[in-house]
Protein backbone atom coordinates (compact mmCIF):
# COMPACT_ATOMS: atom_id res chain seq x y z
CA MET A 1 2.27 89.32 5.71
CA GLN A 2 -0.34 87.13 7.56
CA PRO A 3 0.88 83.98 8.82
CA THR A 4 -0.99 80.70 7.41
CA ALA A 5 -2.46 77.93 9.46
CA TYR A 6 1.07 76.40 9.68
CA ALA A 7 3.43 77.93 12.38
CA LEU A 8 6.27 74.55 12.16
CA VAL A 9 7.63 73.25 9.27
CA ALA A 10 8.87 70.00 10.40
CA THR A 11 11.58 68.54 7.49
CA ASP A 12 13.71 65.09 7.39
CA LEU A 13 16.30 65.68 5.61
CA ASP A 14 17.98 62.57 3.42
CA GLY A 15 15.70 61.69 0.37
CA THR A 16 13.13 65.01 1.47
CA LEU A 17 15.01 67.82 1.40
CA LEU A 18 18.75 67.11 0.36
CA ARG A 19 18.63 66.53 -2.83
CA GLY A 20 20.93 62.81 -3.28
CA ASP A 21 24.02 65.05 -3.38
CA ASP A 22 23.66 65.92 0.08
CA THR A 23 23.03 69.57 -0.93
CA VAL A 24 19.79 71.65 -0.56
CA SER A 25 18.73 73.38 -3.82
CA ASP A 26 18.57 77.23 -4.15
CA ARG A 27 14.14 77.04 -4.62
CA SER A 28 14.12 75.21 -1.48
CA LEU A 29 16.10 77.38 0.70
CA ALA A 30 13.88 80.57 -0.66
CA ALA A 31 10.91 78.10 -0.39
CA LEU A 32 11.76 78.01 2.99
CA ALA A 33 12.76 81.49 3.68
CA ARG A 34 9.69 82.60 2.39
CA ALA A 35 8.23 80.70 5.43
CA ALA A 36 10.47 82.37 7.83
CA ARG A 37 9.24 85.50 6.73
CA ALA A 38 5.79 85.15 6.76
CA GLY A 39 6.50 83.44 10.52
CA ALA A 40 6.64 80.29 10.50
CA ARG A 41 9.80 78.39 12.06
CA HIS A 42 11.72 75.25 10.59
CA LEU A 43 12.43 72.24 11.90
CA VAL A 44 14.69 69.27 10.85
CA VAL A 45 14.13 66.27 12.42
CA THR A 46 16.37 63.59 11.17
CA GLY A 47 17.34 60.20 11.45
CA ARG A 48 21.78 61.55 11.82
CA PRO A 49 23.24 61.95 14.77
CA ALA A 50 24.01 65.91 15.48
CA PRO A 51 27.51 65.27 14.69
CA ARG A 52 26.62 64.48 11.38
CA VAL A 53 24.76 67.54 10.76
CA ARG A 54 26.39 70.67 11.71
CA ALA A 55 27.37 71.78 8.35
CA LEU A 56 24.19 70.73 6.92
CA LEU A 57 22.06 73.03 9.32
CA GLY A 58 24.75 75.50 9.02
CA ASP A 59 24.10 75.79 4.76
CA LEU A 60 20.35 76.06 6.23
CA GLY A 61 21.05 79.12 8.15
CA CYS A 62 19.80 77.13 11.40
CA GLU A 63 21.25 78.15 14.46
CA GLY A 64 17.98 77.19 16.81
CA LEU A 65 16.40 73.46 17.51
CA ALA A 66 16.96 70.34 15.72
CA VAL A 67 15.72 66.97 16.14
CA CYS A 68 18.61 64.16 15.87
CA GLY A 69 19.51 60.70 16.13
CA GLN A 70 15.37 59.54 15.43
CA GLY A 71 13.81 61.67 18.05
CA ALA A 72 16.37 60.55 20.70
CA GLN A 73 18.13 63.86 20.50
CA VAL A 74 17.10 67.67 20.57
CA TYR A 75 19.87 69.97 19.39
CA ASP A 76 21.07 73.33 19.99
CA ALA A 77 22.81 74.47 16.50
CA GLY A 78 23.72 78.22 18.00
CA ALA A 79 25.60 76.70 21.47
CA ASP A 80 26.20 73.48 19.74
CA ARG A 81 24.81 71.48 22.54
CA LEU A 82 22.73 68.97 23.16
CA LEU A 83 19.33 70.06 25.16
CA TRP A 84 18.13 66.27 25.74
CA SER A 85 19.08 63.20 24.59
CA VAL A 86 18.58 59.76 25.81
CA THR A 87 20.67 56.75 25.12
CA LEU A 88 20.19 53.07 24.47
CA ASP A 89 21.25 50.76 26.98
CA ARG A 90 24.09 48.64 25.42
CA GLY A 91 23.42 45.66 26.89
CA MET A 92 19.74 45.66 25.80
CA ALA A 93 21.35 46.35 22.32
CA GLU A 94 23.23 43.23 22.69
CA THR A 95 20.54 41.22 23.91
CA ALA A 96 18.63 42.69 20.70
CA LEU A 97 21.52 41.64 18.17
CA GLY A 98 21.33 38.53 19.87
CA LYS A 99 17.57 37.61 19.24
CA ILE A 100 17.82 38.78 15.46
CA GLU A 101 20.70 36.77 14.97
CA ALA A 102 19.16 33.47 16.58
CA GLU A 103 16.23 34.70 13.40
CA VAL A 104 18.15 35.41 10.41
CA GLY A 105 21.78 34.69 11.33
CA GLN A 106 24.47 37.13 11.26
CA VAL A 107 24.35 40.47 10.52
CA TYR A 108 26.62 43.73 10.73
CA ALA A 109 26.00 46.20 13.14
CA ALA A 110 27.33 50.18 13.26
CA VAL A 111 26.38 52.05 16.08
CA ASP A 112 25.87 56.31 16.19
CA GLN A 113 27.65 57.44 19.80
CA ASP A 114 25.88 59.90 22.14
CA GLY A 115 27.07 63.42 22.32
CA VAL A 116 28.01 66.22 20.18
CA ALA A 117 31.66 64.97 19.55
CA GLY A 118 29.96 61.08 19.32
CA LEU A 119 31.48 59.19 16.74
CA THR A 120 29.53 56.88 13.96
CA LEU A 121 31.07 53.30 15.05
CA ILE A 122 30.98 50.33 12.34
CA GLU A 123 32.09 46.68 12.61
CA PRO A 124 33.95 44.46 10.38
CA GLY A 125 31.45 43.96 7.45
CA TYR A 126 29.44 46.71 7.60
CA LEU A 127 28.86 48.84 4.57
CA MET A 128 27.65 52.38 5.20
CA PRO A 129 24.54 53.16 3.60
CA HIS A 130 25.66 56.56 3.09
CA PRO A 131 29.34 56.54 1.93
CA ALA A 132 30.21 60.76 2.35
CA LEU A 133 29.32 59.98 5.73
CA PRO A 134 32.64 59.60 8.22
CA ALA A 135 32.41 56.50 9.89
CA VAL A 136 35.12 54.78 12.12
CA ARG A 137 35.59 51.01 11.70
CA VAL A 138 36.45 48.99 14.87
CA GLY A 139 38.04 45.65 14.99
CA ARG A 140 35.17 43.48 16.26
CA ARG A 141 31.98 44.01 17.68
CA ASP A 142 32.74 44.27 21.57
CA ASP A 143 34.01 47.57 20.57
CA LEU A 144 30.64 49.53 19.85
CA TRP A 145 29.94 49.11 23.75
CA ALA A 146 33.18 51.34 24.20
CA ALA A 147 30.92 54.63 25.41
CA PRO A 148 27.35 55.78 25.12
CA ILE A 149 25.12 55.31 22.37
CA SER A 150 21.78 56.60 20.46
CA LYS A 151 21.04 53.96 18.08
CA VAL A 152 22.21 50.90 16.23
CA LEU A 153 22.43 50.47 12.60
CA LEU A 154 21.68 47.06 10.71
CA ARG A 155 22.75 45.26 7.65
CA HIS A 156 21.62 41.91 6.72
CA PRO A 157 23.90 40.46 3.70
CA GLU A 158 20.04 38.85 1.60
CA LEU A 159 17.22 39.60 3.59
CA SER A 160 15.08 43.34 2.19
CA ASP A 161 14.95 46.12 4.22
CA ASP A 162 11.62 45.28 5.04
CA GLU A 163 12.48 41.88 5.91
CA LEU A 164 15.17 42.84 8.30
CA ALA A 165 13.05 45.18 10.06
CA ALA A 166 10.15 42.87 10.62
CA THR A 167 11.55 40.06 11.94
CA ALA A 168 13.22 42.49 14.38
CA ARG A 169 9.89 44.06 15.46
CA ALA A 170 9.12 40.28 15.98
CA VAL A 171 11.90 39.42 18.22
CA VAL A 172 13.25 42.81 19.88
CA GLY A 173 9.89 43.67 22.05
CA SER A 174 10.44 46.66 24.78
CA LEU A 175 14.13 45.97 24.52
CA ALA A 176 14.29 48.78 21.67
CA THR A 177 12.84 50.59 18.95
CA VAL A 178 13.27 48.79 15.32
CA THR A 179 12.67 51.62 12.86
CA MET A 180 13.43 51.62 8.74
CA SER A 181 14.98 55.46 7.36
CA GLY A 182 16.18 54.78 4.48
CA PRO A 183 17.60 52.19 1.86
CA GLY A 184 19.99 49.50 4.14
CA THR A 185 19.08 51.40 7.27
CA VAL A 186 17.66 49.77 9.66
CA GLU A 187 17.86 50.96 13.38
CA LEU A 188 17.31 49.61 17.23
CA GLN A 189 16.45 52.93 19.27
CA PRO A 190 15.99 53.72 23.01
CA CYS A 191 12.15 51.90 23.63
CA GLY A 192 9.53 54.46 23.07
CA VAL A 193 11.84 57.44 21.29
CA THR A 194 10.35 57.87 17.99
CA LYS A 195 10.33 61.04 15.74
CA ALA A 196 7.45 62.05 17.02
CA THR A 197 9.18 62.25 20.47
CA GLY A 198 11.66 64.86 19.74
CA LEU A 199 9.53 66.34 17.52
CA ALA A 200 7.24 67.02 20.60
CA LEU A 201 9.77 68.39 22.82
CA ALA A 202 11.40 70.78 20.38
CA ALA A 203 8.29 72.04 19.19
CA GLU A 204 7.16 72.82 23.10
CA ARG A 205 10.49 74.71 23.69
CA LEU A 206 9.35 76.55 20.00
CA GLY A 207 5.84 77.10 21.51
CA VAL A 208 3.93 75.88 18.84
CA GLY A 209 1.52 72.91 18.82
CA PRO A 210 0.90 70.00 16.53
CA GLU A 211 -2.10 71.27 15.26
CA ARG A 212 0.15 74.22 13.41
CA THR A 213 2.56 71.70 12.57
CA ILE A 214 3.58 70.35 8.95
CA ALA A 215 5.78 67.57 7.87
CA PHE A 216 8.02 66.20 5.73
CA GLY A 217 9.30 62.55 4.95
CA ASP A 218 9.94 59.49 3.01
CA MET A 219 10.45 56.50 5.27
CA PRO A 220 8.30 54.65 8.24
CA ASN A 221 10.60 56.52 10.56
CA ASP A 222 8.71 59.69 9.43
CA ILE A 223 5.10 58.15 10.32
CA PRO A 224 5.40 58.83 13.87
CA MET A 225 5.97 62.54 12.92
CA PHE A 226 2.90 62.51 10.60
CA GLU A 227 0.41 60.76 13.24
CA TRP A 228 2.01 63.76 15.88
CA ALA A 229 1.71 66.68 13.30
CA ALA A 230 -1.85 68.23 11.78
CA ARG A 231 -0.43 67.47 8.04
CA GLY A 232 2.20 64.78 6.38
CA VAL A 233 3.85 65.16 3.22
CA ALA A 234 4.73 62.42 1.39
CA MET A 235 7.38 62.74 -1.15
CA ALA A 236 7.31 60.81 -4.76
CA GLY A 237 8.40 58.07 -3.98
CA ALA A 238 8.28 57.33 -0.32
CA HIS A 239 8.10 54.07 1.52
CA PRO A 240 4.49 52.35 0.70
CA GLU A 241 4.05 52.56 4.36
CA LEU A 242 4.33 56.44 4.69
CA ARG A 243 2.35 57.06 1.82
CA ALA A 244 -0.68 55.27 3.25
CA VAL A 245 -0.41 57.61 5.86
CA ALA A 246 0.18 60.43 4.51
CA ASP A 247 -1.99 63.66 4.12
CA GLU A 248 -0.71 64.72 0.36
CA VAL A 249 1.87 63.26 -1.94
CA THR A 250 4.06 65.99 -3.64
CA THR A 251 7.78 65.81 -5.91
CA SER A 252 10.35 64.03 -5.23
CA ASN A 253 13.52 65.77 -2.89
CA GLU A 254 15.01 65.81 -6.54
CA ASP A 255 12.33 67.80 -7.87
CA ASP A 256 12.16 69.99 -4.80
CA GLY A 257 9.12 68.47 -3.59
CA VAL A 258 9.38 70.44 0.05
CA ALA A 259 9.29 73.98 -1.97
CA VAL A 260 6.62 72.83 -4.26
CA VAL A 261 3.65 72.73 -1.31
CA LEU A 262 5.85 75.52 0.68
CA GLU A 263 4.92 77.80 -2.33
CA ARG A 264 1.85 77.18 -2.42
CA LEU A 265 0.99 77.50 1.17
CA PHE A 266 2.76 80.71 2.07
CA PRO A 267 2.17 82.92 -1.45
């Protein structure tokens, strides 16, 4: 079988490849297998940290690279180790939180610790937007900074995600990169780090350039990935900011939107 123009298929997980119950449909698995037989590699590019994707990568049969933590980690699933990671300075994170709270009042925070065994820690009042993901509740905010972190997750009791993200971007400056990766998920990550950062590093290791990469996503944190790749495909119901820069809109994650496109590209 002759390869198509795309040698790398980069997919977000939540809201994109995964259905609402955290599973991947048989149709999507078959479409990814079809792409692999045609010579294309599949690369997961997710906001979840490496420890939170191990089981999912196993279900997908991924034994190679994955981009995790909004691009702050390049993870080797087969070796269960990080090939590359960058942490968010904890002092800068505290300062950024202070600036945000000076504008909007109290926010509730959580952190993803760095490393393949890192925990997700949540302070009092923080509600996990994805209840199925494991988290450890700490007694006070200072406990969040006990070990190196890859990012901070924020929630506000009244503001929408868009409002909180806009305010954070306006006041944080160069202390961190602000992104929104899903409902109830506004995040602070190392300055300059995006999904495109990790995608570019992983693609280089795989010997593939942006001109042969197609990317799938659903939220504003996928915008840098779309800008890097030759083609960006947004899911039905994707955030308007992502739809505005997408080359194509497919069906929803519940309706196998990734598979719909791959079946066309790899007939």
